[in-house]
Amino acid sequence: MRVRARVFAIALAVLSAVGSAHAQDASFQKLVGTWKGKVDVHDEPERTLVVKSVSREGDVWIATVEFGPTGKPLSLFPARVEKQGGGTMLSFPISSTRKVELSLVSERELRGLLKISAEGSWVGRKMALTKTSDKP
């Protein structure tokens, strides 16, 4: 009888883990597409973010993104995707002194910061992006 209970407990744990991964996958896949908006900077405030894909690599979710000023060639970056405080977060460094941190506010809105390193501390510039296409 105890063996059956253990087998059942193991099966339940595996199914729960698979269900949790699938639920995260579904919410993370909402990021895929083209996003456009503005960042609070003087030079070239218009930005485009293209989330090409989101996939799991071990215990970490990684997105392949292109990011840059709207209308100019975009640069390719690997981004980390994770759940934080119940919300979906997307973050990636664009240089050693700049990084992007965004939260999925709704299926069509990302909000967050472009963080710029200035004299040893990070200064945040507000950023808001709206999804313009579900296709990358």
Protein backbone atom coordinates (compact mmCIF):
# COMPACT_ATOMS: atom_id res chain seq x y z
CA MET A 1 0.00 0.00 0.00
CA ARG A 2 2.79 2.44 0.82
CA VAL A 3 4.44 1.81 -2.56
CA ARG A 4 1.23 2.78 -4.33
CA ALA A 5 0.95 5.95 -2.28
CA ARG A 6 4.54 6.90 -3.14
CA VAL A 7 4.01 6.20 -6.84
CA PHE A 8 0.86 8.31 -6.76
CA ALA A 9 2.66 11.15 -4.95
CA ILE A 10 5.53 11.10 -7.48
CA ALA A 11 3.13 11.05 -10.42
CA LEU A 12 1.18 13.94 -8.93
CA ALA A 13 4.38 15.96 -8.39
CA VAL A 14 5.50 15.37 -12.00
CA LEU A 15 2.11 16.37 -13.40
CA SER A 16 2.06 19.47 -11.21
CA ALA A 17 5.52 20.52 -12.41
CA VAL A 18 4.56 19.96 -16.06
CA GLY A 19 1.34 21.95 -15.57
CA SER A 20 3.22 24.81 -13.92
CA ALA A 21 5.80 24.92 -16.73
CA HIS A 22 3.00 24.90 -19.33
CA ALA A 23 1.18 27.74 -17.54
CA GLN A 24 4.37 29.82 -17.46
CA ASP A 25 5.04 28.98 -21.10
CA ALA A 26 1.57 30.24 -22.08
CA SER A 27 1.96 33.54 -20.20
CA PHE A 28 5.54 34.03 -21.44
CA GLN A 29 4.48 33.42 -25.05
CA LYS A 30 2.27 36.54 -24.82
CA LEU A 31 5.51 38.53 -25.07
CA VAL A 32 6.21 37.29 -28.61
CA GLY A 33 5.55 39.99 -31.20
CA THR A 34 6.47 43.56 -32.10
CA TRP A 35 6.24 46.35 -29.51
CA LYS A 36 6.64 50.08 -30.10
CA GLY A 37 6.71 53.04 -27.74
CA LYS A 38 8.79 55.68 -26.04
CA VAL A 39 11.53 55.95 -23.47
CA ASP A 40 12.06 59.13 -21.44
CA VAL A 41 15.29 60.32 -23.13
CA HIS A 42 16.06 63.40 -25.23
CA ASP A 43 17.76 61.67 -28.18
CA GLU A 44 15.65 59.23 -30.20
CA PRO A 45 12.88 58.50 -27.68
CA GLU A 46 10.95 56.16 -30.02
CA ARG A 47 11.87 52.49 -29.46
CA THR A 48 11.01 49.17 -31.07
CA LEU A 49 11.21 45.80 -29.32
CA VAL A 50 10.74 42.58 -31.27
CA VAL A 51 10.40 39.45 -29.14
CA LYS A 52 11.19 36.68 -31.61
CA SER A 53 10.83 33.67 -29.29
CA VAL A 54 10.68 32.52 -25.68
CA SER A 55 12.07 29.13 -24.71
CA ARG A 56 13.17 27.26 -21.65
CA GLU A 57 16.87 26.53 -21.16
CA GLY A 58 17.17 24.34 -18.09
CA ASP A 59 15.47 26.21 -15.25
CA VAL A 60 15.67 29.58 -17.02
CA TRP A 61 13.35 31.12 -19.62
CA ILE A 62 15.20 33.02 -22.35
CA ALA A 63 13.73 35.32 -25.01
CA THR A 64 15.45 36.26 -28.22
CA VAL A 65 14.81 39.97 -28.72
CA GLU A 66 15.76 42.78 -31.07
CA PHE A 67 15.75 46.29 -29.62
CA GLY A 68 16.67 49.82 -30.67
CA PRO A 69 15.53 53.19 -31.94
CA THR A 70 12.46 52.94 -34.20
CA GLY A 71 13.33 53.20 -37.88
CA LYS A 72 16.96 52.14 -37.41
CA PRO A 73 18.57 48.67 -37.50
CA LEU A 74 17.76 46.78 -34.29
CA SER A 75 20.33 44.92 -32.20
CA LEU A 76 19.88 41.28 -31.13
CA PHE A 77 19.95 40.42 -27.39
CA PRO A 78 19.20 37.43 -25.17
CA ALA A 79 16.64 38.40 -22.50
CA ARG A 80 15.64 36.73 -19.27
CA VAL A 81 11.92 36.08 -18.71
CA GLU A 82 10.59 35.34 -15.24
CA LYS A 83 7.66 35.65 -12.89
CA GLN A 84 8.09 38.32 -10.23
CA GLY A 85 5.37 39.27 -7.80
CA GLY A 86 2.80 37.47 -9.94
CA GLY A 87 3.75 39.41 -13.07
CA THR A 88 5.83 38.58 -16.12
CA MET A 89 9.20 40.37 -16.32
CA LEU A 90 11.53 40.75 -19.31
CA SER A 91 15.07 42.04 -18.75
CA PHE A 92 18.23 42.32 -20.80
CA PRO A 93 21.48 44.29 -20.85
CA ILE A 94 22.10 46.36 -23.96
CA SER A 95 25.61 47.38 -22.91
CA SER A 96 27.77 47.38 -19.78
CA THR A 97 26.14 50.67 -18.75
CA ARG A 98 22.55 50.20 -19.95
CA LYS A 99 19.86 47.61 -19.29
CA VAL A 100 16.15 47.25 -19.96
CA GLU A 101 13.65 45.97 -17.37
CA LEU A 102 10.01 45.62 -18.47
CA SER A 103 6.82 44.25 -16.91
CA LEU A 104 3.89 42.84 -18.87
CA VAL A 105 1.03 45.09 -17.69
CA SER A 106 -1.55 43.63 -20.08
CA GLU A 107 -1.49 41.45 -23.19
CA ARG A 108 -0.71 44.58 -25.22
CA GLU A 109 1.33 46.78 -22.85
CA LEU A 110 4.86 46.63 -21.42
CA ARG A 111 6.09 49.19 -18.91
CA GLY A 112 9.40 49.58 -17.18
CA LEU A 113 12.76 51.27 -17.23
CA LEU A 114 15.81 51.82 -19.34
CA LYS A 115 18.48 51.87 -16.63
CA ILE A 116 21.64 53.87 -17.29
CA SER A 117 24.74 53.61 -15.11
CA ALA A 118 25.94 57.03 -14.06
CA GLU A 119 28.84 57.44 -11.65
CA GLY A 120 28.34 54.10 -9.92
CA SER A 121 24.55 54.14 -9.59
CA TRP A 122 21.67 53.30 -11.92
CA VAL A 123 19.34 56.04 -13.21
CA GLY A 124 15.99 54.84 -14.53
CA ARG A 125 14.24 56.30 -17.55
CA LYS A 126 10.56 55.38 -17.90
CA MET A 127 9.57 53.28 -20.87
CA ALA A 128 6.14 52.26 -22.19
CA LEU A 129 5.61 49.97 -25.17
CA THR A 130 2.42 48.86 -26.93
CA LYS A 131 2.13 45.64 -28.90
CA THR A 132 1.62 46.46 -32.57
CA SER A 133 1.76 42.90 -33.91
CA ASP A 134 1.56 39.37 -32.56
CA LYS A 135 4.15 38.38 -35.14
CA PRO A 136 7.86 39.11 -34.65
